[in-house]
Amino acid sequence: MRTSTCLLLALVTALLGLGLRLAVPVAPVDASYRDVVRAYDPSQRP
């Protein structure tokens, strides 16, 4: 595969990812999710 083809595919992939990120709404993290993450993260434990 030529270098220009690889660069073009990388650019298309990046633009598609950015477009999806802007188009799809992201739900904010709720308290129960934070509790689960805290349970698995030793630096967050009391």
N, C-alpha and C. Protein backbone atom coordinates (compact mmCIF):
# COMPACT_ATOMS: atom_id res chain seq x y z
N MET A 1 0.85 -1.17 0.00
CA MET A 1 0.00 0.00 0.00
C MET A 1 0.89 1.24 0.00
N ARG A 2 0.55 2.19 -0.81
CA ARG A 2 1.37 3.39 -0.91
C ARG A 2 1.14 4.30 0.30
N THR A 3 2.13 5.15 0.55
CA THR A 3 2.07 6.06 1.69
C THR A 3 0.90 7.03 1.57
N SER A 4 0.65 7.52 0.38
CA SER A 4 -0.44 8.48 0.20
C SER A 4 -1.80 7.81 0.48
N THR A 5 -1.94 6.54 0.14
CA THR A 5 -3.17 5.83 0.42
C THR A 5 -3.36 5.66 1.92
N CYS A 6 -2.29 5.33 2.63
CA CYS A 6 -2.37 5.18 4.09
C CYS A 6 -2.74 6.50 4.75
N LEU A 7 -2.13 7.58 4.30
CA LEU A 7 -2.43 8.89 4.87
C LEU A 7 -3.87 9.29 4.59
N LEU A 8 -4.35 8.99 3.41
CA LEU A 8 -5.73 9.31 3.06
C LEU A 8 -6.70 8.50 3.93
N LEU A 9 -6.43 7.22 4.12
CA LEU A 9 -7.29 6.41 4.98
C LEU A 9 -7.24 6.90 6.43
N ALA A 10 -6.09 7.31 6.90
CA ALA A 10 -5.98 7.84 8.26
C ALA A 10 -6.79 9.12 8.40
N LEU A 11 -6.74 9.98 7.41
CA LEU A 11 -7.49 11.23 7.44
C LEU A 11 -8.99 10.97 7.41
N VAL A 12 -9.42 10.05 6.58
CA VAL A 12 -10.85 9.71 6.50
C VAL A 12 -11.32 9.13 7.82
N THR A 13 -10.51 8.25 8.42
CA THR A 13 -10.87 7.65 9.69
C THR A 13 -10.98 8.70 10.79
N ALA A 14 -10.03 9.62 10.82
CA ALA A 14 -10.05 10.68 11.83
C ALA A 14 -11.28 11.57 11.65
N LEU A 15 -11.61 11.91 10.43
CA LEU A 15 -12.78 12.76 10.19
C LEU A 15 -14.08 12.05 10.54
N LEU A 16 -14.16 10.76 10.24
CA LEU A 16 -15.35 10.00 10.61
C LEU A 16 -15.48 9.91 12.13
N GLY A 17 -14.38 9.69 12.81
CA GLY A 17 -14.42 9.64 14.28
C GLY A 17 -14.84 10.96 14.88
N LEU A 18 -14.30 12.04 14.36
CA LEU A 18 -14.68 13.36 14.85
C LEU A 18 -16.15 13.65 14.55
N GLY A 19 -16.60 13.28 13.37
CA GLY A 19 -18.00 13.49 13.02
C GLY A 19 -18.93 12.70 13.92
N LEU A 20 -18.58 11.45 14.22
CA LEU A 20 -19.41 10.66 15.14
C LEU A 20 -19.40 11.26 16.54
N ARG A 21 -18.25 11.73 16.97
CA ARG A 21 -18.15 12.30 18.32
C ARG A 21 -19.03 13.55 18.45
N LEU A 22 -19.10 14.33 17.39
CA LEU A 22 -19.91 15.55 17.42
C LEU A 22 -21.39 15.24 17.21
N ALA A 23 -21.71 14.18 16.47
CA ALA A 23 -23.10 13.88 16.13
C ALA A 23 -23.82 13.10 17.21
N VAL A 24 -23.11 12.22 17.91
CA VAL A 24 -23.75 11.35 18.90
C VAL A 24 -23.65 12.00 20.27
N PRO A 25 -24.77 12.23 20.92
CA PRO A 25 -24.72 12.85 22.25
C PRO A 25 -24.11 11.89 23.28
N VAL A 26 -23.36 12.46 24.18
CA VAL A 26 -22.71 11.67 25.22
C VAL A 26 -23.39 11.97 26.55
N ALA A 27 -23.84 10.93 27.21
CA ALA A 27 -24.53 11.10 28.48
C ALA A 27 -23.51 11.43 29.57
N PRO A 28 -23.84 12.34 30.46
CA PRO A 28 -22.92 12.64 31.56
C PRO A 28 -22.82 11.45 32.52
N VAL A 29 -21.70 11.36 33.18
CA VAL A 29 -21.46 10.26 34.11
C VAL A 29 -22.30 10.48 35.37
N ASP A 30 -23.02 9.43 35.77
CA ASP A 30 -23.85 9.56 36.96
C ASP A 30 -23.12 9.04 38.20
N ALA A 31 -23.74 9.21 39.33
CA ALA A 31 -23.10 8.88 40.61
C ALA A 31 -22.84 7.38 40.75
N SER A 32 -23.75 6.55 40.26
CA SER A 32 -23.55 5.10 40.40
C SER A 32 -22.35 4.62 39.59
N TYR A 33 -22.14 5.20 38.42
CA TYR A 33 -20.96 4.85 37.63
C TYR A 33 -19.68 5.26 38.36
N ARG A 34 -19.68 6.44 38.95
CA ARG A 34 -18.50 6.89 39.70
C ARG A 34 -18.22 5.96 40.88
N ASP A 35 -19.27 5.45 41.53
CA ASP A 35 -19.08 4.51 42.63
C ASP A 35 -18.41 3.21 42.16
N VAL A 36 -18.81 2.72 40.99
CA VAL A 36 -18.20 1.50 40.45
C VAL A 36 -16.73 1.75 40.12
N VAL A 37 -16.43 2.87 39.49
CA VAL A 37 -15.04 3.19 39.14
C VAL A 37 -14.22 3.34 40.41
N ARG A 38 -14.76 3.97 41.40
CA ARG A 38 -14.05 4.15 42.68
C ARG A 38 -13.77 2.80 43.34
N ALA A 39 -14.69 1.86 43.19
CA ALA A 39 -14.51 0.54 43.80
C ALA A 39 -13.34 -0.22 43.17
N TYR A 40 -13.07 0.03 41.88
CA TYR A 40 -11.99 -0.68 41.20
C TYR A 40 -10.68 0.09 41.17
N ASP A 41 -10.68 1.35 41.54
CA ASP A 41 -9.48 2.18 41.51
C ASP A 41 -8.91 2.31 42.92
N PRO A 42 -7.76 1.68 43.18
CA PRO A 42 -7.22 1.71 44.54
C PRO A 42 -6.82 3.10 45.02
N SER A 43 -6.50 4.00 44.11
CA SER A 43 -6.11 5.34 44.53
C SER A 43 -7.31 6.17 44.98
N GLN A 44 -8.53 5.76 44.64
CA GLN A 44 -9.75 6.49 44.99
C GLN A 44 -10.40 5.96 46.27
N ARG A 45 -9.87 4.87 46.81
CA ARG A 45 -10.50 4.27 48.00
C ARG A 45 -10.20 5.09 49.23
N PRO A 46 -11.16 5.12 50.16
CA PRO A 46 -10.93 5.88 51.41
C PRO A 46 -9.93 5.22 52.34
